[in-house]
Full PDB file with SEQRES, HELIX, SHEET, SSBOND, CRYST1, ORIGX, SCALE, CONECT and MASTER records, all heavy atoms in Angstrom:
SEQRES   1 A   37  LEU LEU ALA GLY PHE SER ALA ALA THR GLY PRO ALA PHE          
SEQRES   2 A   37  ALA ASP MET GLY TYR ASP PHE LYS THR GLY HIS ILE LEU          
SEQRES   3 A   37  ARG GLY GLU GLY LYS ASP LYS ALA PHE GLU ILE                  
HELIX    1 AA1 LEU A    2  ALA A    8  1                                   7    
HELIX    2 AA2 PRO A   11  LEU A   26  1                                  16    
HELIX    3 AA3 LYS A   33  GLU A   36  1                                   4    
CRYST1    1.000    1.000    1.000  90.00  90.00  90.00 P 1           1          
ORIGX1      1.000000  0.000000  0.000000        0.00000                         
ORIGX2      0.000000  1.000000  0.000000        0.00000                         
ORIGX3      0.000000  0.000000  1.000000        0.00000                         
SCALE1      1.000000  0.000000  0.000000        0.00000                         
SCALE2      0.000000  1.000000  0.000000        0.00000                         
SCALE3      0.000000  0.000000  1.000000        0.00000                         
ATOM      1  N   LEU A   1     -17.331   1.364 -20.801  1.00  0.00           N  
ATOM      2  CA  LEU A   1     -17.072   0.414 -19.719  1.00  0.00           C  
ATOM      3  C   LEU A   1     -15.576   0.121 -19.594  1.00  0.00           C  
ATOM      4  O   LEU A   1     -15.064  -0.043 -18.487  1.00  0.00           O  
ATOM      5  CB  LEU A   1     -17.847  -0.879 -19.962  1.00  0.00           C  
ATOM      6  CG  LEU A   1     -19.376  -0.753 -19.903  1.00  0.00           C  
ATOM      7  CD1 LEU A   1     -20.037  -2.090 -20.233  1.00  0.00           C  
ATOM      8  CD2 LEU A   1     -19.840  -0.269 -18.536  1.00  0.00           C  
ATOM      9  N   LEU A   2     -14.890   0.074 -20.731  1.00  0.00           N  
ATOM     10  CA  LEU A   2     -13.441  -0.158 -20.718  1.00  0.00           C  
ATOM     11  C   LEU A   2     -12.713   0.968 -19.993  1.00  0.00           C  
ATOM     12  O   LEU A   2     -11.840   0.727 -19.148  1.00  0.00           O  
ATOM     13  CB  LEU A   2     -12.923  -0.282 -22.158  1.00  0.00           C  
ATOM     14  CG  LEU A   2     -11.404  -0.401 -22.328  1.00  0.00           C  
ATOM     15  CD1 LEU A   2     -10.902  -1.724 -21.759  1.00  0.00           C  
ATOM     16  CD2 LEU A   2     -11.028  -0.291 -23.805  1.00  0.00           C  
ATOM     17  N   ALA A   3     -13.081   2.218 -20.324  1.00  0.00           N  
ATOM     18  CA  ALA A   3     -12.445   3.375 -19.680  1.00  0.00           C  
ATOM     19  C   ALA A   3     -12.705   3.371 -18.177  1.00  0.00           C  
ATOM     20  O   ALA A   3     -11.801   3.629 -17.374  1.00  0.00           O  
ATOM     21  CB  ALA A   3     -12.959   4.665 -20.308  1.00  0.00           C  
ATOM     22  N   GLY A   4     -13.947   3.074 -17.787  1.00  0.00           N  
ATOM     23  CA  GLY A   4     -14.284   3.040 -16.366  1.00  0.00           C  
ATOM     24  C   GLY A   4     -13.559   1.941 -15.622  1.00  0.00           C  
ATOM     25  O   GLY A   4     -13.053   2.144 -14.509  1.00  0.00           O  
ATOM     26  N   PHE A   5     -13.477   0.770 -16.236  1.00  0.00           N  
ATOM     27  CA  PHE A   5     -12.786  -0.373 -15.626  1.00  0.00           C  
ATOM     28  C   PHE A   5     -11.312  -0.063 -15.429  1.00  0.00           C  
ATOM     29  O   PHE A   5     -10.741  -0.322 -14.366  1.00  0.00           O  
ATOM     30  CB  PHE A   5     -12.983  -1.596 -16.528  1.00  0.00           C  
ATOM     31  CG  PHE A   5     -12.354  -2.860 -16.007  1.00  0.00           C  
ATOM     32  CD1 PHE A   5     -12.368  -3.181 -14.662  1.00  0.00           C  
ATOM     33  CD2 PHE A   5     -11.747  -3.750 -16.883  1.00  0.00           C  
ATOM     34  CE1 PHE A   5     -11.788  -4.359 -14.188  1.00  0.00           C  
ATOM     35  CE2 PHE A   5     -11.161  -4.931 -16.429  1.00  0.00           C  
ATOM     36  CZ  PHE A   5     -11.191  -5.227 -15.079  1.00  0.00           C  
ATOM     37  N   SER A   6     -10.695   0.517 -16.460  1.00  0.00           N  
ATOM     38  CA  SER A   6      -9.270   0.854 -16.368  1.00  0.00           C  
ATOM     39  C   SER A   6      -9.033   1.925 -15.303  1.00  0.00           C  
ATOM     40  O   SER A   6      -8.090   1.840 -14.515  1.00  0.00           O  
ATOM     41  CB  SER A   6      -8.770   1.341 -17.733  1.00  0.00           C  
ATOM     42  OG  SER A   6      -7.399   1.654 -17.682  1.00  0.00           O  
ATOM     43  N   ALA A   7      -9.918   2.945 -15.270  1.00  0.00           N  
ATOM     44  CA  ALA A   7      -9.763   4.026 -14.286  1.00  0.00           C  
ATOM     45  C   ALA A   7      -9.912   3.525 -12.855  1.00  0.00           C  
ATOM     46  O   ALA A   7      -9.339   4.089 -11.925  1.00  0.00           O  
ATOM     47  CB  ALA A   7     -10.791   5.123 -14.562  1.00  0.00           C  
ATOM     48  N   ALA A   8     -10.703   2.451 -12.670  1.00  0.00           N  
ATOM     49  CA  ALA A   8     -10.935   1.915 -11.321  1.00  0.00           C  
ATOM     50  C   ALA A   8      -9.706   1.230 -10.745  1.00  0.00           C  
ATOM     51  O   ALA A   8      -9.579   1.079  -9.530  1.00  0.00           O  
ATOM     52  CB  ALA A   8     -12.107   0.933 -11.348  1.00  0.00           C  
ATOM     53  N   THR A   9      -8.802   0.774 -11.615  1.00  0.00           N  
ATOM     54  CA  THR A   9      -7.588   0.096 -11.146  1.00  0.00           C  
ATOM     55  C   THR A   9      -6.445   1.106 -11.044  1.00  0.00           C  
ATOM     56  O   THR A   9      -6.356   2.028 -11.843  1.00  0.00           O  
ATOM     57  CB  THR A   9      -7.183  -1.037 -12.104  1.00  0.00           C  
ATOM     58  OG1 THR A   9      -6.856  -0.487 -13.385  1.00  0.00           O  
ATOM     59  CG2 THR A   9      -8.296  -2.037 -12.266  1.00  0.00           C  
ATOM     60  N   GLY A  10      -5.618   0.943 -10.080  1.00  0.00           N  
ATOM     61  CA  GLY A  10      -4.465   1.836  -9.908  1.00  0.00           C  
ATOM     62  C   GLY A  10      -4.544   2.716  -8.684  1.00  0.00           C  
ATOM     63  O   GLY A  10      -3.644   2.672  -7.832  1.00  0.00           O  
ATOM     64  N   PRO A  11      -5.608   3.554  -8.528  1.00  0.00           N  
ATOM     65  CA  PRO A  11      -5.650   4.444  -7.363  1.00  0.00           C  
ATOM     66  C   PRO A  11      -5.582   3.720  -6.020  1.00  0.00           C  
ATOM     67  O   PRO A  11      -4.828   4.123  -5.127  1.00  0.00           O  
ATOM     68  CB  PRO A  11      -6.987   5.173  -7.537  1.00  0.00           C  
ATOM     69  CG  PRO A  11      -7.219   5.172  -9.008  1.00  0.00           C  
ATOM     70  CD  PRO A  11      -6.681   3.858  -9.497  1.00  0.00           C  
ATOM     71  N   ALA A  12      -6.369   2.651  -5.847  1.00  0.00           N  
ATOM     72  CA  ALA A  12      -6.337   1.910  -4.581  1.00  0.00           C  
ATOM     73  C   ALA A  12      -4.969   1.268  -4.373  1.00  0.00           C  
ATOM     74  O   ALA A  12      -4.453   1.212  -3.251  1.00  0.00           O  
ATOM     75  CB  ALA A  12      -7.428   0.837  -4.567  1.00  0.00           C  
ATOM     76  N   PHE A  13      -4.368   0.792  -5.453  1.00  0.00           N  
ATOM     77  CA  PHE A  13      -3.042   0.171  -5.427  1.00  0.00           C  
ATOM     78  C   PHE A  13      -2.002   1.179  -4.924  1.00  0.00           C  
ATOM     79  O   PHE A  13      -1.234   0.896  -3.998  1.00  0.00           O  
ATOM     80  CB  PHE A  13      -2.703  -0.287  -6.852  1.00  0.00           C  
ATOM     81  CG  PHE A  13      -1.498  -1.174  -6.966  1.00  0.00           C  
ATOM     82  CD1 PHE A  13      -1.630  -2.557  -6.897  1.00  0.00           C  
ATOM     83  CD2 PHE A  13      -0.243  -0.649  -7.188  1.00  0.00           C  
ATOM     84  CE1 PHE A  13      -0.527  -3.390  -7.029  1.00  0.00           C  
ATOM     85  CE2 PHE A  13       0.864  -1.467  -7.328  1.00  0.00           C  
ATOM     86  CZ  PHE A  13       0.729  -2.845  -7.248  1.00  0.00           C  
ATOM     87  N   ALA A  14      -2.006   2.366  -5.539  1.00  0.00           N  
ATOM     88  CA  ALA A  14      -1.021   3.396  -5.171  1.00  0.00           C  
ATOM     89  C   ALA A  14      -1.250   3.914  -3.759  1.00  0.00           C  
ATOM     90  O   ALA A  14      -0.308   4.051  -2.968  1.00  0.00           O  
ATOM     91  CB  ALA A  14      -1.092   4.545  -6.172  1.00  0.00           C  
ATOM     92  N   ASP A  15      -2.508   4.193  -3.425  1.00  0.00           N  
ATOM     93  CA  ASP A  15      -2.804   4.744  -2.099  1.00  0.00           C  
ATOM     94  C   ASP A  15      -2.425   3.768  -0.994  1.00  0.00           C  
ATOM     95  O   ASP A  15      -1.880   4.167   0.036  1.00  0.00           O  
ATOM     96  CB  ASP A  15      -4.292   5.089  -2.010  1.00  0.00           C  
ATOM     97  CG  ASP A  15      -4.665   5.580  -0.623  1.00  0.00           C  
ATOM     98  OD1 ASP A  15      -4.196   6.663  -0.230  1.00  0.00           O  
ATOM     99  OD2 ASP A  15      -5.419   4.875   0.072  1.00  0.00           O  
ATOM    100  N   MET A  16      -2.708   2.485  -1.211  1.00  0.00           N  
ATOM    101  CA  MET A  16      -2.352   1.510  -0.188  1.00  0.00           C  
ATOM    102  C   MET A  16      -0.837   1.382  -0.056  1.00  0.00           C  
ATOM    103  O   MET A  16      -0.313   1.129   1.034  1.00  0.00           O  
ATOM    104  CB  MET A  16      -2.983   0.151  -0.489  1.00  0.00           C  
ATOM    105  CG  MET A  16      -2.835  -0.833   0.664  1.00  0.00           C  
ATOM    106  SD  MET A  16      -3.762  -2.357   0.419  1.00  0.00           S  
ATOM    107  CE  MET A  16      -5.392  -1.816   0.837  1.00  0.00           C  
ATOM    108  N   GLY A  17      -0.120   1.588  -1.163  1.00  0.00           N  
ATOM    109  CA  GLY A  17       1.339   1.596  -1.093  1.00  0.00           C  
ATOM    110  C   GLY A  17       1.838   2.698  -0.172  1.00  0.00           C  
ATOM    111  O   GLY A  17       2.753   2.492   0.641  1.00  0.00           O  
ATOM    112  N   TYR A  18       1.234   3.886  -0.280  1.00  0.00           N  
ATOM    113  CA  TYR A  18       1.604   4.993   0.604  1.00  0.00           C  
ATOM    114  C   TYR A  18       1.310   4.638   2.068  1.00  0.00           C  
ATOM    115  O   TYR A  18       2.132   4.894   2.965  1.00  0.00           O  
ATOM    116  CB  TYR A  18       0.817   6.260   0.238  1.00  0.00           C  
ATOM    117  CG  TYR A  18       1.059   6.788  -1.153  1.00  0.00           C  
ATOM    118  CD1 TYR A  18       0.045   7.453  -1.836  1.00  0.00           C  
ATOM    119  CD2 TYR A  18       2.286   6.640  -1.785  1.00  0.00           C  
ATOM    120  CE1 TYR A  18       0.256   7.960  -3.115  1.00  0.00           C  
ATOM    121  CE2 TYR A  18       2.497   7.138  -3.066  1.00  0.00           C  
ATOM    122  CZ  TYR A  18       1.477   7.796  -3.724  1.00  0.00           C  
ATOM    123  OH  TYR A  18       1.672   8.286  -4.981  1.00  0.00           O  
ATOM    124  N   ASP A  19       0.128   4.056   2.294  1.00  0.00           N  
ATOM    125  CA  ASP A  19      -0.256   3.716   3.668  1.00  0.00           C  
ATOM    126  C   ASP A  19       0.649   2.644   4.266  1.00  0.00           C  
ATOM    127  O   ASP A  19       1.033   2.715   5.443  1.00  0.00           O  
ATOM    128  CB  ASP A  19      -1.717   3.244   3.707  1.00  0.00           C  
ATOM    129  CG  ASP A  19      -2.697   4.355   3.367  1.00  0.00           C  
ATOM    130  OD1 ASP A  19      -2.330   5.527   3.532  1.00  0.00           O  
ATOM    131  OD2 ASP A  19      -3.815   4.047   2.915  1.00  0.00           O  
ATOM    132  N   PHE A  20       0.991   1.647   3.457  1.00  0.00           N  
ATOM    133  CA  PHE A  20       1.889   0.594   3.942  1.00  0.00           C  
ATOM    134  C   PHE A  20       3.282   1.153   4.226  1.00  0.00           C  
ATOM    135  O   PHE A  20       3.968   0.694   5.142  1.00  0.00           O  
ATOM    136  CB  PHE A  20       1.984  -0.539   2.931  1.00  0.00           C  
ATOM    137  CG  PHE A  20       0.787  -1.461   2.916  1.00  0.00           C  
ATOM    138  CD1 PHE A  20       0.638  -2.407   1.915  1.00  0.00           C  
ATOM    139  CD2 PHE A  20      -0.177  -1.403   3.901  1.00  0.00           C  
ATOM    140  CE1 PHE A  20      -0.449  -3.267   1.896  1.00  0.00           C  
ATOM    141  CE2 PHE A  20      -1.272  -2.261   3.900  1.00  0.00           C  
ATOM    142  CZ  PHE A  20      -1.412  -3.193   2.890  1.00  0.00           C  
ATOM    143  N   LYS A  21       3.712   2.116   3.434  1.00  0.00           N  
ATOM    144  CA  LYS A  21       5.015   2.751   3.682  1.00  0.00           C  
ATOM    145  C   LYS A  21       4.996   3.473   5.021  1.00  0.00           C  
ATOM    146  O   LYS A  21       5.954   3.390   5.800  1.00  0.00           O  
ATOM    147  CB  LYS A  21       5.351   3.736   2.553  1.00  0.00           C  
ATOM    148  CG  LYS A  21       6.658   4.503   2.749  1.00  0.00           C  
ATOM    149  CD  LYS A  21       7.878   3.596   2.673  1.00  0.00           C  
ATOM    150  CE  LYS A  21       9.165   4.416   2.732  1.00  0.00           C  
ATOM    151  NZ  LYS A  21      10.368   3.579   2.566  1.00  0.00           N  
ATOM    152  N   THR A  22       3.902   4.170   5.299  1.00  0.00           N  
ATOM    153  CA  THR A  22       3.758   4.834   6.603  1.00  0.00           C  
ATOM    154  C   THR A  22       3.898   3.816   7.727  1.00  0.00           C  
ATOM    155  O   THR A  22       4.666   4.008   8.681  1.00  0.00           O  
ATOM    156  CB  THR A  22       2.387   5.530   6.708  1.00  0.00           C  
ATOM    157  OG1 THR A  22       2.293   6.545   5.714  1.00  0.00           O  
ATOM    158  CG2 THR A  22       2.202   6.161   8.079  1.00  0.00           C  
ATOM    159  N   GLY A  23       3.151   2.729   7.622  1.00  0.00           N  
ATOM    160  CA  GLY A  23       3.211   1.689   8.653  1.00  0.00           C  
ATOM    161  C   GLY A  23       4.582   1.059   8.761  1.00  0.00           C  
ATOM    162  O   GLY A  23       5.057   0.767   9.872  1.00  0.00           O  
ATOM    163  N   HIS A  24       5.237   0.852   7.627  1.00  0.00           N  
ATOM    164  CA  HIS A  24       6.574   0.247   7.610  1.00  0.00           C  
ATOM    165  C   HIS A  24       7.564   1.090   8.416  1.00  0.00           C  
ATOM    166  O   HIS A  24       8.360   0.546   9.197  1.00  0.00           O  
ATOM    167  CB  HIS A  24       7.038   0.123   6.157  1.00  0.00           C  
ATOM    168  CG  HIS A  24       8.397  -0.476   5.987  1.00  0.00           C  
ATOM    169  ND1 HIS A  24       8.654  -1.809   6.185  1.00  0.00           N  
ATOM    170  CD2 HIS A  24       9.586   0.085   5.646  1.00  0.00           C  
ATOM    171  CE1 HIS A  24       9.936  -2.050   5.961  1.00  0.00           C  
ATOM    172  NE2 HIS A  24      10.518  -0.915   5.642  1.00  0.00           N  
ATOM    173  N   ILE A  25       7.503   2.399   8.249  1.00  0.00           N  
ATOM    174  CA  ILE A  25       8.395   3.293   9.001  1.00  0.00           C  
ATOM    175  C   ILE A  25       8.041   3.266  10.491  1.00  0.00           C  
ATOM    176  O   ILE A  25       8.921   3.144  11.351  1.00  0.00           O  
ATOM    177  CB  ILE A  25       8.305   4.728   8.448  1.00  0.00           C  
ATOM    178  CG1 ILE A  25       8.888   4.790   7.028  1.00  0.00           C  
ATOM    179  CG2 ILE A  25       9.051   5.714   9.364  1.00  0.00           C  
ATOM    180  CD1 ILE A  25       8.664   6.115   6.320  1.00  0.00           C  
ATOM    181  N   LEU A  26       6.765   3.354  10.802  1.00  0.00           N  
ATOM    182  CA  LEU A  26       6.336   3.391  12.205  1.00  0.00           C  
ATOM    183  C   LEU A  26       6.649   2.090  12.940  1.00  0.00           C  
ATOM    184  O   LEU A  26       6.885   2.093  14.145  1.00  0.00           O  
ATOM    185  CB  LEU A  26       4.832   3.660  12.285  1.00  0.00           C  
ATOM    186  CG  LEU A  26       4.347   5.013  11.743  1.00  0.00           C  
ATOM    187  CD1 LEU A  26       2.834   5.119  11.847  1.00  0.00           C  
ATOM    188  CD2 LEU A  26       5.015   6.172  12.485  1.00  0.00           C  
ATOM    189  N   ARG A  27       6.673   0.992  12.205  1.00  0.00           N  
ATOM    190  CA  ARG A  27       6.932  -0.313  12.839  1.00  0.00           C  
ATOM    191  C   ARG A  27       8.420  -0.658  12.879  1.00  0.00           C  
ATOM    192  O   ARG A  27       8.782  -1.781  13.214  1.00  0.00           O  
ATOM    193  CB  ARG A  27       6.152  -1.406  12.101  1.00  0.00           C  
ATOM    194  CG  ARG A  27       4.643  -1.303  12.286  1.00  0.00           C  
ATOM    195  CD  ARG A  27       3.906  -2.474  11.671  1.00  0.00           C  
ATOM    196  NE  ARG A  27       3.920  -2.455  10.226  1.00  0.00           N  
ATOM    197  CZ  ARG A  27       2.966  -1.910   9.455  1.00  0.00           C  
ATOM    198  NH1 ARG A  27       1.915  -1.340  10.018  1.00  0.00           N  
ATOM    199  NH2 ARG A  27       3.059  -1.952   8.144  1.00  0.00           N  
ATOM    200  N   GLY A  28       9.270   0.302  12.539  1.00  0.00           N  
ATOM    201  CA  GLY A  28      10.710   0.069  12.661  1.00  0.00           C  
ATOM    202  C   GLY A  28      11.382  -0.401  11.391  1.00  0.00           C  
ATOM    203  O   GLY A  28      12.454  -1.002  11.427  1.00  0.00           O  
ATOM    204  N   GLU A  29      10.741  -0.155  10.241  1.00  0.00           N  
ATOM    205  CA  GLU A  29      11.323  -0.473   8.927  1.00  0.00           C  
ATOM    206  C   GLU A  29      11.687  -1.941   8.769  1.00  0.00           C  
ATOM    207  O   GLU A  29      12.732  -2.282   8.194  1.00  0.00           O  
ATOM    208  CB  GLU A  29      12.518   0.433   8.641  1.00  0.00           C  
ATOM    209  CG  GLU A  29      12.127   1.901   8.653  1.00  0.00           C  
ATOM    210  CD  GLU A  29      13.217   2.827   8.165  1.00  0.00           C  
ATOM    211  OE1 GLU A  29      13.647   2.690   7.018  1.00  0.00           O  
ATOM    212  OE2 GLU A  29      13.644   3.686   8.954  1.00  0.00           O  
ATOM    213  N   GLY A  30      10.836  -2.796   9.279  1.00  0.00           N  
ATOM    214  CA  GLY A  30      10.997  -4.228   9.025  1.00  0.00           C  
ATOM    215  C   GLY A  30      12.007  -4.948   9.886  1.00  0.00           C  
ATOM    216  O   GLY A  30      12.311  -6.120   9.638  1.00  0.00           O  
ATOM    217  N   LYS A  31      12.532  -4.311  10.925  1.00  0.00           N  
ATOM    218  CA  LYS A  31      13.532  -4.970  11.776  1.00  0.00           C  
ATOM    219  C   LYS A  31      12.915  -6.143  12.539  1.00  0.00           C  
ATOM    220  O   LYS A  31      13.576  -7.135  12.799  1.00  0.00           O  
ATOM    221  CB  LYS A  31      14.157  -3.953  12.729  1.00  0.00           C  
ATOM    222  CG  LYS A  31      15.064  -2.956  12.009  1.00  0.00           C  
ATOM    223  CD  LYS A  31      15.655  -1.950  12.972  1.00  0.00           C  
ATOM    224  CE  LYS A  31      16.653  -1.046  12.258  1.00  0.00           C  
ATOM    225  NZ  LYS A  31      16.017  -0.205  11.217  1.00  0.00           N  
ATOM    226  N   ASP A  32      11.651  -6.010  12.917  1.00  0.00           N  
ATOM    227  CA  ASP A  32      10.901  -7.108  13.529  1.00  0.00           C  
ATOM    228  C   ASP A  32       9.892  -7.579  12.478  1.00  0.00           C  
ATOM    229  O   ASP A  32       8.806  -7.019  12.341  1.00  0.00           O  
ATOM    230  CB  ASP A  32      10.194  -6.617  14.792  1.00  0.00           C  
ATOM    231  CG  ASP A  32       9.454  -7.734  15.526  1.00  0.00           C  
ATOM    232  OD1 ASP A  32       9.154  -8.768  14.893  1.00  0.00           O  
ATOM    233  OD2 ASP A  32       9.163  -7.562  16.722  1.00  0.00           O  
ATOM    234  N   LYS A  33      10.265  -8.623  11.739  1.00  0.00           N  
ATOM    235  CA  LYS A  33       9.442  -9.036  10.593  1.00  0.00           C  
ATOM    236  C   LYS A  33       8.045  -9.491  11.011  1.00  0.00           C  
ATOM    237  O   LYS A  33       7.058  -9.206  10.327  1.00  0.00           O  
ATOM    238  CB  LYS A  33      10.149 -10.148   9.804  1.00  0.00           C  
ATOM    239  CG  LYS A  33      11.278  -9.632   8.928  1.00  0.00           C  
ATOM    240  CD  LYS A  33      11.717 -10.686   7.917  1.00  0.00           C  
ATOM    241  CE  LYS A  33      12.765 -10.107   6.974  1.00  0.00           C  
ATOM    242  NZ  LYS A  33      13.157 -11.045   5.909  1.00  0.00           N  
ATOM    243  N   ALA A  34       7.959 -10.184  12.123  1.00  0.00           N  
ATOM    244  CA  ALA A  34       6.649 -10.668  12.579  1.00  0.00           C  
ATOM    245  C   ALA A  34       5.727  -9.496  12.898  1.00  0.00           C  
ATOM    246  O   ALA A  34       4.538  -9.496  12.543  1.00  0.00           O  
ATOM    247  CB  ALA A  34       6.819 -11.559  13.807  1.00  0.00           C  
ATOM    248  N   PHE A  35       6.264  -8.477  13.566  1.00  0.00           N  
ATOM    249  CA  PHE A  35       5.483  -7.291  13.911  1.00  0.00           C  
ATOM    250  C   PHE A  35       5.089  -6.536  12.645  1.00  0.00           C  
ATOM    251  O   PHE A  35       3.953  -6.050  12.521  1.00  0.00           O  
ATOM    252  CB  PHE A  35       6.300  -6.389  14.841  1.00  0.00           C  
ATOM    253  CG  PHE A  35       5.510  -5.282  15.477  1.00  0.00           C  
ATOM    254  CD1 PHE A  35       4.593  -5.540  16.481  1.00  0.00           C  
ATOM    255  CD2 PHE A  35       5.681  -3.966  15.068  1.00  0.00           C  
ATOM    256  CE1 PHE A  35       3.863  -4.520  17.074  1.00  0.00           C  
ATOM    257  CE2 PHE A  35       4.963  -2.937  15.654  1.00  0.00           C  
ATOM    258  CZ  PHE A  35       4.048  -3.211  16.661  1.00  0.00           C  
ATOM    259  N   GLU A  36       6.019  -6.443  11.696  1.00  0.00           N  
ATOM    260  CA  GLU A  36       5.756  -5.768  10.423  1.00  0.00           C  
ATOM    261  C   GLU A  36       4.619  -6.455   9.666  1.00  0.00           C  
ATOM    262  O   GLU A  36       3.691  -5.803   9.180  1.00  0.00           O  
ATOM    263  CB  GLU A  36       7.028  -5.740   9.576  1.00  0.00           C  
ATOM    264  CG  GLU A  36       6.838  -5.349   8.120  1.00  0.00           C  
ATOM    265  CD  GLU A  36       6.322  -3.939   7.941  1.00  0.00           C  
ATOM    266  OE1 GLU A  36       6.490  -3.106   8.856  1.00  0.00           O  
ATOM    267  OE2 GLU A  36       5.737  -3.660   6.870  1.00  0.00           O  
ATOM    268  N   ILE A  37       4.687  -7.767   9.567  1.00  0.00           N  
ATOM    269  CA  ILE A  37       3.665  -8.519   8.829  1.00  0.00           C  
ATOM    270  C   ILE A  37       2.303  -8.412   9.515  1.00  0.00           C  
ATOM    271  O   ILE A  37       1.269  -8.222   8.862  1.00  0.00           O  
ATOM    272  CB  ILE A  37       4.097  -9.990   8.677  1.00  0.00           C  
ATOM    273  CG1 ILE A  37       5.313 -10.076   7.739  1.00  0.00           C  
ATOM    274  CG2 ILE A  37       2.959 -10.844   8.144  1.00  0.00           C  
ATOM    275  CD1 ILE A  37       5.985 -11.436   7.732  1.00  0.00           C  
TER     276      ILE A  37                                                      
MASTER        0    0    0    3    0    0    0    6  275    1    0    3          
END                                                                             
């Protein structure tokens, strides 16, 4: 259970980081903070 619990954390964190980076670039790299948020 410990191995499974540990394996479950991290992938979603990293993948969402990639997705947010994509959105950050498409939205103008944070120049319009309200739009970015």
